Amino acid sequence: MMIRVLLLTNKTDVTTDFIVKRLKEERIEFYRLNTEELGDNVEVNFDFPEGNFKIFDKTTNIQINLLDIKAVYFRRPELRADNSELTRSENQFVRNEISYTLEGIYEILNSAYWLNSVKHIRNAENKIFQLLLAKNLGFRIAPSLITTNADSAMNFYRMNDEDCIIKPIRTGLISDEENEEAIIFTNKVNLDKNSAQRVAGCPTFFQKHIKKQGDIRVTVVGDKVFAAFIHSQDSDDSKVDWRISQNGLKHSICTLPVDVSAKCINLLKKLNLNFGAIDLILDEMGNYIFLEINPNGQWAWIERLLGLNVSGAIVNLLKNKIDER
């Protein structure tokens, strides 16, 4: 059995479960590498003189030659939990070594087809770069300011009727020394002269709050576009950021204008991405406004709710790329 598709993720990633199901239906040989098992259930053996780069799954007795891999789906790799018998510094050393080993695996797989490559994901996550590119491609964008100057922040706030939101420049995910994680969501901001002084300590991303009919999640796989309208204005807690809502928001299939779909596909090409989850809003005037792109965004909930065949598009893309290599 020669495995040609590698799924890089973790044991609890439900989205990858959708891909696993599709790959089995298509009878495509694959291996799901849950990276938190490296060093435990999964062994690595890189023999440089022989040019052999293999991983061995002790649970399934499956051995994978990384040089045989033709397509990689990069989802949600994680590091294993700390060992209670080691000190904090020793655990940090182990995490670093595993992290560097993963980076090495990515490089060994460099000639394979990636959905998406790590370096392109990291490059695309920067919202400054996203906005510059989106504007150049013809997307409408919200008035935006990133600043460390209190006066600039106050001026922007007043120019936009004191109705602005604040959001992270890259990702809202933060973790502490105990590996406890939290997410910073997009929030409306109330700014005065005192609070504006705080921007001097950290570049701060402000945008004009756009009144909207709802949000649109656009999932792009290669040249396939899947759009879902999220009825975010139906609930008070989701009016600014629909991700905050604890209620089950209504979703519906959305058909984008041809030019907007083309811009979404073109954005991925410019970012060297083969997959992307783009967030748009439909404002009260019927304009499509670009917010951001998540180069490794979630999509399984949309497939489950609306029946959009995202997993099929991903597997077809992987299958076609295997045949080309």
Protein backbone atom coordinates (compact mmCIF):
# COMPACT_ATOMS: atom_id res chain seq x y z
CA MET A 1 0.00 0.00 0.00
CA MET A 2 1.48 3.32 -1.10
CA ILE A 3 0.03 6.30 0.70
CA ARG A 4 -0.08 9.44 -1.44
CA VAL A 5 -2.23 11.81 0.66
CA LEU A 6 -1.22 13.13 4.08
CA LEU A 7 -3.62 14.92 6.43
CA LEU A 8 -1.83 17.06 9.01
CA THR A 9 -4.10 17.71 11.96
CA ASN A 10 -5.03 16.58 15.49
CA LYS A 11 -7.26 13.91 16.98
CA THR A 12 -10.20 16.21 17.75
CA ASP A 13 -10.41 18.02 14.40
CA VAL A 14 -13.95 17.31 13.22
CA THR A 15 -13.37 19.03 9.87
CA THR A 16 -10.75 16.44 8.94
CA ASP A 17 -13.32 13.73 9.72
CA PHE A 18 -15.33 14.99 6.72
CA ILE A 19 -12.26 14.60 4.48
CA VAL A 20 -11.49 11.14 5.86
CA LYS A 21 -15.02 10.01 5.00
CA ARG A 22 -14.71 11.33 1.43
CA LEU A 23 -11.27 9.83 0.88
CA LYS A 24 -12.57 6.43 1.98
CA GLU A 25 -15.54 6.74 -0.39
CA GLU A 26 -13.14 7.54 -3.23
CA ARG A 27 -10.84 4.67 -2.14
CA ILE A 28 -7.86 6.98 -1.99
CA GLU A 29 -5.06 5.77 0.27
CA PHE A 30 -4.24 8.36 2.91
CA TYR A 31 -2.72 8.77 6.33
CA ARG A 32 -4.02 11.08 9.05
CA LEU A 33 -1.08 12.34 11.07
CA ASN A 34 -2.38 13.59 14.40
CA THR A 35 0.74 15.52 15.26
CA GLU A 36 0.22 15.47 19.04
CA GLU A 37 1.07 11.76 18.84
CA LEU A 38 4.60 12.36 17.56
CA GLY A 39 7.01 10.72 19.98
CA ASP A 40 4.27 8.56 21.47
CA ASN A 41 2.20 6.47 19.06
CA VAL A 42 4.00 7.86 16.02
CA GLU A 43 7.72 7.37 15.44
CA VAL A 44 9.92 9.36 13.06
CA ASN A 45 13.02 7.93 11.43
CA PHE A 46 15.00 10.24 9.15
CA ASP A 47 18.10 8.51 7.77
CA PHE A 48 20.02 11.18 5.89
CA PRO A 49 22.82 9.04 4.42
CA GLU A 50 20.22 6.68 2.97
CA GLY A 51 17.77 9.43 2.07
CA ASN A 52 14.95 7.65 3.90
CA PHE A 53 12.36 9.81 5.64
CA LYS A 54 9.71 7.68 7.26
CA ILE A 55 7.11 7.81 9.99
CA PHE A 56 5.67 4.73 11.67
CA ASP A 57 2.30 4.47 13.37
CA LYS A 58 2.65 1.95 16.19
CA THR A 59 -1.11 1.65 16.64
CA THR A 60 -1.94 0.71 13.05
CA ASN A 61 1.48 -0.67 12.03
CA ILE A 62 1.46 1.67 9.05
CA GLN A 63 4.76 3.00 7.73
CA ILE A 64 4.77 6.08 5.52
CA ASN A 65 7.59 7.13 3.27
CA LEU A 66 7.28 10.90 3.18
CA LEU A 67 8.89 11.02 -0.25
CA ASP A 68 5.91 9.06 -1.63
CA ILE A 69 3.43 11.71 -0.52
CA LYS A 70 1.98 13.65 -3.46
CA ALA A 71 -0.65 15.83 -1.73
CA VAL A 72 -0.92 17.36 1.74
CA TYR A 73 -3.94 18.86 3.48
CA PHE A 74 -2.70 21.11 6.27
CA ARG A 75 -5.45 21.47 8.85
CA ARG A 76 -4.78 21.84 12.58
CA PRO A 77 -1.46 20.35 13.75
CA GLU A 78 -0.99 20.48 17.51
CA LEU A 79 1.81 19.65 19.92
CA ARG A 80 1.37 16.96 22.54
CA ALA A 81 0.44 17.75 26.13
CA ASP A 82 3.18 18.37 28.67
CA ASN A 83 4.69 15.43 30.51
CA SER A 84 3.97 15.74 34.24
CA GLU A 85 7.29 14.06 35.04
CA LEU A 86 9.28 16.83 33.32
CA THR A 87 9.98 20.36 34.48
CA ARG A 88 8.46 23.33 32.68
CA SER A 89 11.76 24.09 30.94
CA GLU A 90 12.19 20.45 29.93
CA ASN A 91 8.66 20.37 28.49
CA GLN A 92 9.41 23.57 26.60
CA PHE A 93 12.53 21.95 25.15
CA VAL A 94 10.51 18.91 24.04
CA ARG A 95 7.85 21.13 22.46
CA ASN A 96 10.52 23.04 20.57
CA GLU A 97 12.16 19.86 19.29
CA ILE A 98 8.82 18.47 18.10
CA SER A 99 7.95 21.80 16.51
CA TYR A 100 11.27 21.88 14.64
CA THR A 101 10.73 18.27 13.55
CA LEU A 102 7.34 19.23 12.11
CA GLU A 103 8.95 22.12 10.27
CA GLY A 104 11.43 19.62 8.86
CA ILE A 105 8.60 17.34 7.74
CA TYR A 106 6.99 20.26 5.92
CA GLU A 107 10.26 20.89 4.11
CA ILE A 108 10.68 17.22 3.18
CA LEU A 109 7.18 17.41 1.67
CA ASN A 110 8.01 20.58 -0.22
CA SER A 111 7.59 18.99 -3.67
CA ALA A 112 4.07 17.73 -2.86
CA TYR A 113 0.88 19.66 -3.59
CA TRP A 114 -0.21 21.60 -0.50
CA LEU A 115 -3.61 22.77 0.55
CA ASN A 116 -2.19 25.11 1.88
CA SER A 117 1.56 25.40 2.45
CA VAL A 118 2.57 26.62 5.90
CA LYS A 119 4.59 29.56 4.60
CA HIS A 120 1.72 30.77 2.43
CA ILE A 121 -0.74 30.45 5.32
CA ARG A 122 1.51 32.51 7.57
CA ASN A 123 1.99 35.15 4.90
CA ALA A 124 -1.74 35.40 4.20
CA GLU A 125 -2.77 35.73 7.85
CA ASN A 126 -1.58 39.33 8.09
CA LYS A 127 -4.62 41.59 7.71
CA ILE A 128 -2.48 44.54 6.58
CA PHE A 129 -1.35 42.52 3.57
CA GLN A 130 -4.91 41.25 3.05
CA LEU A 131 -6.42 44.74 2.90
CA LEU A 132 -3.73 46.08 0.58
CA LEU A 133 -4.23 43.19 -1.81
CA ALA A 134 -8.03 43.20 -1.60
CA LYS A 135 -8.17 46.90 -2.40
CA ASN A 136 -5.81 46.45 -5.36
CA LEU A 137 -8.04 43.66 -6.68
CA GLY A 138 -11.08 45.91 -6.63
CA PHE A 139 -12.84 44.77 -3.46
CA ARG A 140 -14.72 47.35 -1.44
CA ILE A 141 -13.16 47.60 2.02
CA ALA A 142 -14.29 49.34 5.18
CA PRO A 143 -12.48 52.55 6.21
CA SER A 144 -9.58 51.22 8.27
CA LEU A 145 -6.78 52.53 10.47
CA ILE A 146 -3.88 50.79 12.16
CA THR A 147 -2.05 53.14 14.48
CA THR A 148 0.03 53.66 17.60
CA ASN A 149 -0.89 57.36 17.71
CA ALA A 150 -3.64 58.43 20.11
CA ASP A 151 -4.57 61.56 18.14
CA SER A 152 -4.91 59.57 14.92
CA ALA A 153 -7.12 57.05 16.70
CA MET A 154 -9.39 59.79 18.10
CA ASN A 155 -9.60 61.58 14.75
CA PHE A 156 -10.56 58.35 12.96
CA TYR A 157 -13.13 57.58 15.64
CA ARG A 158 -14.77 60.99 15.31
CA MET A 159 -14.64 61.00 11.49
CA ASN A 160 -16.62 57.76 11.52
CA ASP A 161 -19.39 59.05 13.79
CA GLU A 162 -17.85 57.42 16.87
CA ASP A 163 -19.04 54.08 15.51
CA CYS A 164 -15.98 51.85 15.09
CA ILE A 165 -14.86 48.32 15.79
CA ILE A 166 -11.49 46.99 16.93
CA LYS A 167 -9.95 43.72 15.77
CA PRO A 168 -6.60 41.82 15.81
CA ILE A 169 -4.09 42.43 13.01
CA ARG A 170 -3.30 38.74 12.68
CA THR A 171 -5.14 36.19 14.78
CA GLY A 172 -7.29 36.62 17.85
CA LEU A 173 -6.04 33.41 19.44
CA ILE A 174 -3.90 33.94 22.53
CA SER A 175 -2.43 31.47 25.03
CA ASP A 176 -0.63 31.82 28.33
CA GLU A 177 2.25 29.91 29.95
CA GLU A 178 -0.16 27.20 31.06
CA ASN A 179 -1.34 26.76 27.45
CA GLU A 180 -4.77 28.15 28.34
CA GLU A 181 -6.29 29.67 25.21
CA ALA A 182 -8.71 32.51 24.58
CA ILE A 183 -10.03 34.27 21.48
CA ILE A 184 -10.19 38.02 20.93
CA PHE A 185 -13.28 38.74 18.85
CA THR A 186 -14.16 41.85 16.84
CA ASN A 187 -15.84 44.35 19.18
CA LYS A 188 -17.29 47.83 19.04
CA VAL A 189 -15.03 50.35 20.75
CA ASN A 190 -15.85 53.34 22.93
CA LEU A 191 -12.91 55.69 22.65
CA ASP A 192 -12.02 58.78 24.67
CA LYS A 193 -8.80 60.71 25.21
CA ASN A 194 -7.72 58.48 28.09
CA SER A 195 -8.42 55.13 26.44
CA ALA A 196 -6.90 56.34 23.16
CA GLN A 197 -3.53 56.66 24.90
CA ARG A 198 -3.39 52.88 25.20
CA VAL A 199 -2.80 52.45 21.47
CA ALA A 200 0.76 53.72 21.97
CA GLY A 201 1.66 50.39 23.55
CA CYS A 202 0.48 48.22 20.67
CA PRO A 203 -0.48 48.77 17.01
CA THR A 204 -4.28 48.84 17.06
CA PHE A 205 -6.62 48.00 14.18
CA PHE A 206 -9.74 50.18 13.90
CA GLN A 207 -12.47 49.93 11.27
CA LYS A 208 -15.64 51.86 10.66
CA HIS A 209 -18.62 49.83 11.83
CA ILE A 210 -20.62 49.07 8.68
CA LYS A 211 -24.38 48.66 9.02
CA LYS A 212 -25.18 45.41 7.26
CA GLN A 213 -27.89 43.06 6.10
CA GLY A 214 -25.76 40.10 7.14
CA ASP A 215 -22.44 38.30 6.81
CA ILE A 216 -21.22 36.05 4.01
CA ARG A 217 -18.71 33.23 4.45
CA VAL A 218 -17.13 32.42 1.10
CA THR A 219 -15.23 29.13 0.99
CA VAL A 220 -12.95 28.84 -2.03
CA VAL A 221 -11.40 25.52 -3.09
CA GLY A 222 -9.24 25.97 -6.17
CA ASP A 223 -11.65 27.67 -8.58
CA LYS A 224 -14.81 26.45 -6.78
CA VAL A 225 -16.73 29.04 -4.75
CA PHE A 226 -19.20 28.17 -1.98
CA ALA A 227 -21.04 31.12 -0.40
CA ALA A 228 -23.19 31.03 2.73
CA PHE A 229 -25.25 33.97 3.96
CA ILE A 230 -25.23 34.20 7.76
CA HIS A 231 -28.26 36.00 9.18
CA SER A 232 -26.17 37.74 11.82
CA GLN A 233 -28.56 40.65 12.31
CA ASP A 234 -31.29 38.37 13.65
CA SER A 235 -29.62 38.27 17.08
CA ASP A 236 -28.26 41.13 19.18
CA ASP A 237 -25.11 39.27 20.24
CA SER A 238 -24.08 38.55 16.63
CA LYS A 239 -24.67 41.95 15.04
CA VAL A 240 -20.98 42.96 15.19
CA ASP A 241 -19.21 39.56 15.11
CA TRP A 242 -21.37 36.55 14.29
CA ARG A 243 -18.78 34.20 15.82
CA ILE A 244 -19.68 35.44 19.31
CA SER A 245 -23.28 34.24 19.10
CA GLN A 246 -24.24 31.30 21.27
CA ASN A 247 -27.50 30.95 19.37
CA GLY A 248 -27.93 28.88 16.24
CA LEU A 249 -27.92 31.53 13.53
CA LYS A 250 -29.86 30.93 10.35
CA HIS A 251 -27.71 30.17 7.29
CA SER A 252 -28.74 30.13 3.65
CA ILE A 253 -27.02 29.41 0.35
CA CYS A 254 -25.90 32.60 -1.34
CA THR A 255 -25.13 33.29 -5.01
CA LEU A 256 -22.44 35.93 -5.37
CA PRO A 257 -22.23 38.34 -8.30
CA VAL A 258 -19.86 36.99 -10.94
CA ASP A 259 -17.33 39.77 -10.39
CA VAL A 260 -17.23 39.19 -6.62
CA SER A 261 -16.66 35.44 -7.12
CA ALA A 262 -13.88 36.20 -9.59
CA LYS A 263 -12.22 38.54 -7.10
CA CYS A 264 -12.36 35.85 -4.41
CA ILE A 265 -10.63 33.33 -6.70
CA ASN A 266 -8.08 35.92 -7.78
CA LEU A 267 -7.33 36.82 -4.16
CA LEU A 268 -6.37 33.21 -3.44
CA LYS A 269 -4.15 33.09 -6.50
CA LYS A 270 -2.34 36.27 -5.44
CA LEU A 271 -1.81 34.79 -1.97
CA ASN A 272 -0.60 31.45 -3.43
CA LEU A 273 -3.44 29.66 -1.65
CA ASN A 274 -5.46 26.70 -2.88
CA PHE A 275 -8.07 27.09 -0.15
CA GLY A 276 -9.41 30.08 1.73
CA ALA A 277 -12.36 31.18 3.86
CA ILE A 278 -13.26 34.77 3.03
CA ASP A 279 -15.50 36.93 5.20
CA LEU A 280 -17.63 39.51 3.42
CA ILE A 281 -20.54 41.61 4.59
CA LEU A 282 -23.55 42.73 2.60
CA ASP A 283 -24.19 46.30 3.66
CA GLU A 284 -27.57 48.03 3.80
CA MET A 285 -27.00 49.45 0.29
CA GLY A 286 -26.36 46.00 -1.19
CA ASN A 287 -22.58 46.40 -1.47
CA TYR A 288 -20.24 43.47 -0.84
CA ILE A 289 -17.52 44.56 1.60
CA PHE A 290 -14.33 42.55 2.11
CA LEU A 291 -13.39 41.98 5.75
CA GLU A 292 -10.66 39.34 5.80
CA ILE A 293 -9.53 35.94 4.63
CA ASN A 294 -8.69 32.99 6.85
CA PRO A 295 -6.27 30.81 4.84
CA ASN A 296 -7.09 27.81 7.02
CA GLY A 297 -10.66 28.57 8.05
CA GLN A 298 -13.40 26.24 9.22
CA TRP A 299 -16.03 25.01 6.77
CA ALA A 300 -17.52 21.77 8.08
CA TRP A 301 -20.44 23.49 9.80
CA ILE A 302 -21.49 25.06 6.49
CA GLU A 303 -21.43 21.70 4.71
CA ARG A 304 -23.45 20.17 7.53
CA LEU A 305 -26.06 22.97 7.61
CA LEU A 306 -26.43 23.70 3.90
CA GLY A 307 -25.16 20.60 2.12
CA LEU A 308 -22.51 22.55 0.22
CA ASN A 309 -20.03 19.97 -1.04
CA VAL A 310 -16.82 21.54 0.23
CA SER A 311 -15.29 18.22 1.28
CA GLY A 312 -15.96 16.78 -2.17
CA ALA A 313 -14.25 19.74 -3.82
CA ILE A 314 -11.22 19.36 -1.55
CA VAL A 315 -10.90 15.63 -2.18
CA ASN A 316 -11.35 16.08 -5.94
CA LEU A 317 -8.61 18.70 -5.93
CA LEU A 318 -6.26 16.43 -3.98
CA LYS A 319 -7.10 13.50 -6.25
CA ASN A 320 -6.43 15.49 -9.42
CA LYS A 321 -3.10 16.75 -8.10
CA ILE A 322 -2.03 13.20 -7.23
CA ASP A 323 -2.69 12.15 -10.82
CA GLU A 324 -0.61 15.08 -12.11
CA ARG A 325 2.44 14.12 -10.05
